[in-house]
Amino acid sequence: MIYSVAIDGPSGAGKSTLAKEAAAQLGILYVDTGAIYRSIGLYMFKNGINPQNADAVVAELPHICVELRYGDDGLQRMYLNGEDVTDSIRLPEISMYASAVSAIPQVRAFLLDMQRDMAKKQSVIMDGRDIGTVVLPDAEVKIYLTAAPEVRAQRRMKELAERGTPCSFEEVLHDIQQRDYNDTHRDTAPLRQAEDAVLLDTSELNFDESREAMLAIIRERVKG
């Protein structure tokens, strides 16, 4: 049986980490769509393109090749025009670039077929902002994953420190709140919970509890 799991939610909710773990447990493919948009954002950042200038961004799309590959360790690696950008796309300044370019309809159309094609060929867990509402509206399982902004900021701050790029709590919280506003107020595919999505708030849960809660939802829906 081929099935799809769509996980949406705000920045810093742990979508990627939890989805990756759940995919490993279920033996299915994990697709980090946020990393794909971050790769587009990184290209604009490196080339001095204003991500708010839709015409300038769209003009660059023919020059961009984003690839999702898997290393020997089974982990997803992102390649931008042949360069491994897995780590650099996670820098805080790239978040705003990713948010801006993802609001451009032509950018979303540019990547939509790529994402849907993956789900047609095999069972996937895909996470992002509009997976259950736009990319995979017929997904067998839809989860809206969230947590309080302050909780998400603490988690993101720890993650950045572990990567060697520490930021203050105030800076990270501001970025998350700004990203939340941008993602929920954009004209194209704004972040929202799909009507048939299960809400999973992990504010009071640790990582293991969050993973088990996500797996329980998926197994129940797929079984049903």
Protein backbone atom coordinates (compact mmCIF):
# COMPACT_ATOMS: atom_id res chain seq x y z
CA MET A 1 0.00 0.00 0.00
CA ILE A 2 1.31 3.43 -0.96
CA TYR A 3 0.21 6.21 1.39
CA SER A 4 1.11 9.82 2.11
CA VAL A 5 1.52 11.65 5.41
CA ALA A 6 1.23 15.45 5.24
CA ILE A 7 2.65 17.38 8.18
CA ASP A 8 2.10 21.13 8.35
CA GLY A 9 2.85 23.66 11.03
CA PRO A 10 4.75 26.82 11.93
CA SER A 11 8.50 27.38 11.95
CA GLY A 12 10.39 25.64 14.74
CA ALA A 13 7.61 23.17 15.56
CA GLY A 14 9.97 20.24 15.01
CA LYS A 15 8.27 19.05 11.84
CA SER A 16 11.48 17.97 10.10
CA THR A 17 13.04 16.18 13.05
CA LEU A 18 9.88 14.35 14.05
CA ALA A 19 8.90 13.49 10.48
CA LYS A 20 12.37 12.11 9.81
CA GLU A 21 12.16 9.89 12.90
CA ALA A 22 8.65 8.73 12.07
CA ALA A 23 9.67 7.90 8.49
CA ALA A 24 12.57 5.80 9.78
CA GLN A 25 10.25 3.92 12.15
CA LEU A 26 7.69 3.31 9.39
CA GLY A 27 10.23 2.51 6.69
CA ILE A 28 8.97 5.17 4.27
CA LEU A 29 10.54 8.17 2.50
CA TYR A 30 10.92 11.49 4.32
CA VAL A 31 10.70 14.67 2.21
CA ASP A 32 11.67 17.99 3.83
CA THR A 33 9.94 20.56 1.61
CA GLY A 34 11.14 23.41 3.82
CA ALA A 35 14.71 22.51 2.87
CA ILE A 36 13.75 22.80 -0.79
CA TYR A 37 12.43 26.35 -0.29
CA ARG A 38 15.42 27.22 1.86
CA SER A 39 17.66 26.14 -1.01
CA ILE A 40 15.86 28.57 -3.32
CA GLY A 41 16.20 31.26 -0.64
CA LEU A 42 19.91 30.55 -0.26
CA TYR A 43 20.42 30.97 -4.01
CA MET A 44 18.80 34.44 -3.86
CA PHE A 45 20.85 35.34 -0.79
CA LYS A 46 24.15 34.31 -2.38
CA ASN A 47 23.33 36.11 -5.62
CA GLY A 48 22.18 39.35 -4.05
CA ILE A 49 18.56 39.00 -5.22
CA ASN A 50 15.90 40.76 -3.15
CA PRO A 51 13.51 37.91 -2.19
CA GLN A 52 10.64 40.42 -2.06
CA ASN A 53 11.15 41.22 -5.75
CA ALA A 54 9.02 38.51 -7.34
CA ASP A 55 10.02 39.36 -10.92
CA ALA A 56 13.73 39.15 -10.07
CA VAL A 57 13.25 35.84 -8.22
CA VAL A 58 11.21 34.27 -11.02
CA ALA A 59 13.81 35.34 -13.59
CA GLU A 60 16.40 33.25 -11.71
CA LEU A 61 14.38 30.01 -11.56
CA PRO A 62 15.67 28.60 -14.88
CA HIS A 63 19.18 28.81 -13.43
CA ILE A 64 18.35 26.79 -10.30
CA CYS A 65 18.64 23.04 -9.85
CA VAL A 66 17.57 21.72 -6.44
CA GLU A 67 18.18 18.06 -5.71
CA LEU A 68 17.28 15.88 -2.77
CA ARG A 69 19.81 13.09 -2.32
CA TYR A 70 20.48 10.56 0.40
CA GLY A 71 23.89 9.95 1.90
CA ASP A 72 25.38 6.61 2.94
CA ASP A 73 23.93 7.25 6.40
CA GLY A 74 20.43 7.44 4.91
CA LEU A 75 20.05 11.11 5.78
CA GLN A 76 18.64 13.62 3.33
CA ARG A 77 21.13 16.06 1.80
CA MET A 78 20.18 19.14 -0.18
CA TYR A 79 22.13 20.12 -3.30
CA LEU A 80 21.88 23.50 -5.01
CA ASN A 81 23.36 23.49 -8.50
CA GLY A 82 25.56 20.56 -7.51
CA GLU A 83 26.75 22.03 -4.18
CA ASP A 84 25.83 20.41 -0.85
CA VAL A 85 24.00 23.18 1.04
CA THR A 86 22.48 21.02 3.79
CA ASP A 87 24.04 23.05 6.60
CA SER A 88 24.09 26.55 5.09
CA ILE A 89 20.34 26.58 4.40
CA ARG A 90 19.74 26.39 8.17
CA LEU A 91 21.36 29.74 8.95
CA PRO A 92 18.85 32.15 10.59
CA GLU A 93 19.08 34.76 7.82
CA ILE A 94 18.01 32.17 5.24
CA SER A 95 14.69 31.62 7.06
CA MET A 96 13.38 35.02 5.96
CA TYR A 97 14.60 34.46 2.41
CA ALA A 98 12.82 31.09 2.34
CA SER A 99 9.63 32.63 3.71
CA ALA A 100 9.69 35.41 1.10
CA VAL A 101 10.36 33.21 -1.95
CA SER A 102 7.81 30.62 -0.84
CA ALA A 103 5.11 33.30 -1.03
CA ILE A 104 5.70 33.71 -4.78
CA PRO A 105 3.19 31.63 -6.83
CA GLN A 106 5.68 30.87 -9.63
CA VAL A 107 8.19 29.45 -7.12
CA ARG A 108 5.55 27.15 -5.64
CA ALA A 109 4.47 26.02 -9.11
CA PHE A 110 8.14 25.42 -9.99
CA LEU A 111 8.44 22.93 -7.10
CA LEU A 112 4.92 21.47 -6.94
CA ASP A 113 5.30 18.76 -9.57
CA MET A 114 8.59 17.64 -8.03
CA GLN A 115 6.92 17.14 -4.64
CA ARG A 116 3.80 15.40 -5.96
CA ASP A 117 5.82 13.08 -8.15
CA MET A 118 7.69 11.76 -5.10
CA ALA A 119 4.39 10.88 -3.40
CA LYS A 120 3.06 9.02 -6.45
CA LYS A 121 5.99 6.62 -6.57
CA GLN A 122 6.26 5.59 -2.92
CA SER A 123 4.91 6.13 0.58
CA VAL A 124 6.13 9.44 1.98
CA ILE A 125 6.07 11.73 4.97
CA MET A 126 6.24 15.28 3.68
CA ASP A 127 6.37 18.36 5.88
CA GLY A 128 5.98 22.03 5.17
CA ARG A 129 3.41 24.83 5.32
CA ASP A 130 0.79 23.77 2.76
CA ILE A 131 1.30 20.04 2.27
CA GLY A 132 -2.15 18.95 3.45
CA THR A 133 -3.95 21.95 1.96
CA VAL A 134 -2.25 22.30 -1.45
CA VAL A 135 0.57 19.87 -2.26
CA LEU A 136 -1.05 16.60 -1.14
CA PRO A 137 -4.73 17.46 -0.49
CA ASP A 138 -5.67 13.77 -0.73
CA ALA A 139 -3.06 12.52 1.74
CA GLU A 140 -4.27 9.60 3.85
CA VAL A 141 -2.85 11.22 7.00
CA LYS A 142 -2.73 14.94 7.80
CA ILE A 143 -1.17 16.35 10.96
CA TYR A 144 -0.92 19.99 12.04
CA LEU A 145 2.09 20.11 14.33
CA THR A 146 2.57 23.13 16.55
CA ALA A 147 3.88 24.41 19.90
CA ALA A 148 3.91 27.75 21.71
CA PRO A 149 6.25 30.35 20.10
CA GLU A 150 8.41 30.53 23.24
CA VAL A 151 8.81 26.74 23.29
CA ARG A 152 9.73 26.71 19.61
CA ALA A 153 12.27 29.50 20.17
CA GLN A 154 13.95 27.56 22.98
CA ARG A 155 14.19 24.45 20.82
CA ARG A 156 15.52 26.37 17.81
CA MET A 157 18.06 28.20 20.00
CA LYS A 158 19.41 24.86 21.28
CA GLU A 159 19.57 23.50 17.72
CA LEU A 160 21.51 26.55 16.48
CA ALA A 161 23.94 26.34 19.40
CA GLU A 162 24.62 22.67 18.65
CA ARG A 163 25.39 23.62 15.04
CA GLY A 164 27.89 26.24 16.17
CA THR A 165 25.73 29.22 15.17
CA PRO A 166 24.33 30.45 18.52
CA CYS A 167 21.74 33.23 18.68
CA SER A 168 20.01 34.95 21.60
CA PHE A 169 16.55 33.84 22.71
CA GLU A 170 15.11 37.27 21.87
CA GLU A 171 16.52 37.14 18.34
CA VAL A 172 15.25 33.63 17.68
CA LEU A 173 11.81 34.37 19.15
CA HIS A 174 11.50 37.51 17.02
CA ASP A 175 12.43 35.55 13.89
CA ILE A 176 9.86 32.86 14.68
CA GLN A 177 7.08 35.36 15.38
CA GLN A 178 7.88 37.24 12.17
CA ARG A 179 7.94 34.00 10.21
CA ASP A 180 4.59 32.97 11.72
CA TYR A 181 3.05 36.25 10.61
CA ASN A 182 4.52 36.03 7.11
CA ASP A 183 3.48 32.40 6.63
CA THR A 184 -0.11 32.89 7.82
CA HIS A 185 -0.71 36.17 5.98
CA ARG A 186 0.75 35.50 2.54
CA ASP A 187 -1.62 35.51 -0.42
CA THR A 188 -0.41 32.22 -1.89
CA ALA A 189 -1.02 29.02 0.10
CA PRO A 190 -0.95 30.58 3.59
CA LEU A 191 -0.17 28.37 6.56
CA ARG A 192 -3.37 26.96 8.05
CA GLN A 193 -4.64 23.71 9.49
CA ALA A 194 -6.44 21.55 6.93
CA GLU A 195 -10.01 20.75 7.93
CA ASP A 196 -9.25 17.03 8.11
CA ALA A 197 -5.87 17.38 9.86
CA VAL A 198 -5.23 16.14 13.40
CA LEU A 199 -3.86 18.87 15.70
CA LEU A 200 -0.73 17.82 17.60
CA ASP A 201 0.54 20.42 20.08
CA THR A 202 3.90 19.38 21.53
CA SER A 203 4.39 22.33 23.92
CA GLU A 204 4.19 20.00 26.93
CA LEU A 205 5.80 16.96 25.30
CA ASN A 206 9.43 15.95 25.05
CA PHE A 207 10.86 14.59 21.82
CA ASP A 208 10.13 10.91 22.49
CA GLU A 209 6.56 11.67 23.54
CA SER A 210 6.04 13.84 20.45
CA ARG A 211 7.37 11.12 18.15
CA GLU A 212 5.15 8.45 19.70
CA ALA A 213 2.11 10.73 19.47
CA MET A 214 2.81 11.33 15.77
CA LEU A 215 3.33 7.62 15.07
CA ALA A 216 0.09 6.74 16.88
CA ILE A 217 -1.88 9.17 14.69
CA ILE A 218 -0.30 7.82 11.49
CA ARG A 219 -0.79 4.16 12.36
CA GLU A 220 -4.40 4.73 13.37
CA ARG A 221 -5.23 6.58 10.13
CA VAL A 222 -3.42 4.13 7.85
CA LYS A 223 -4.96 1.15 9.63
CA GLY A 224 -8.40 2.71 9.40
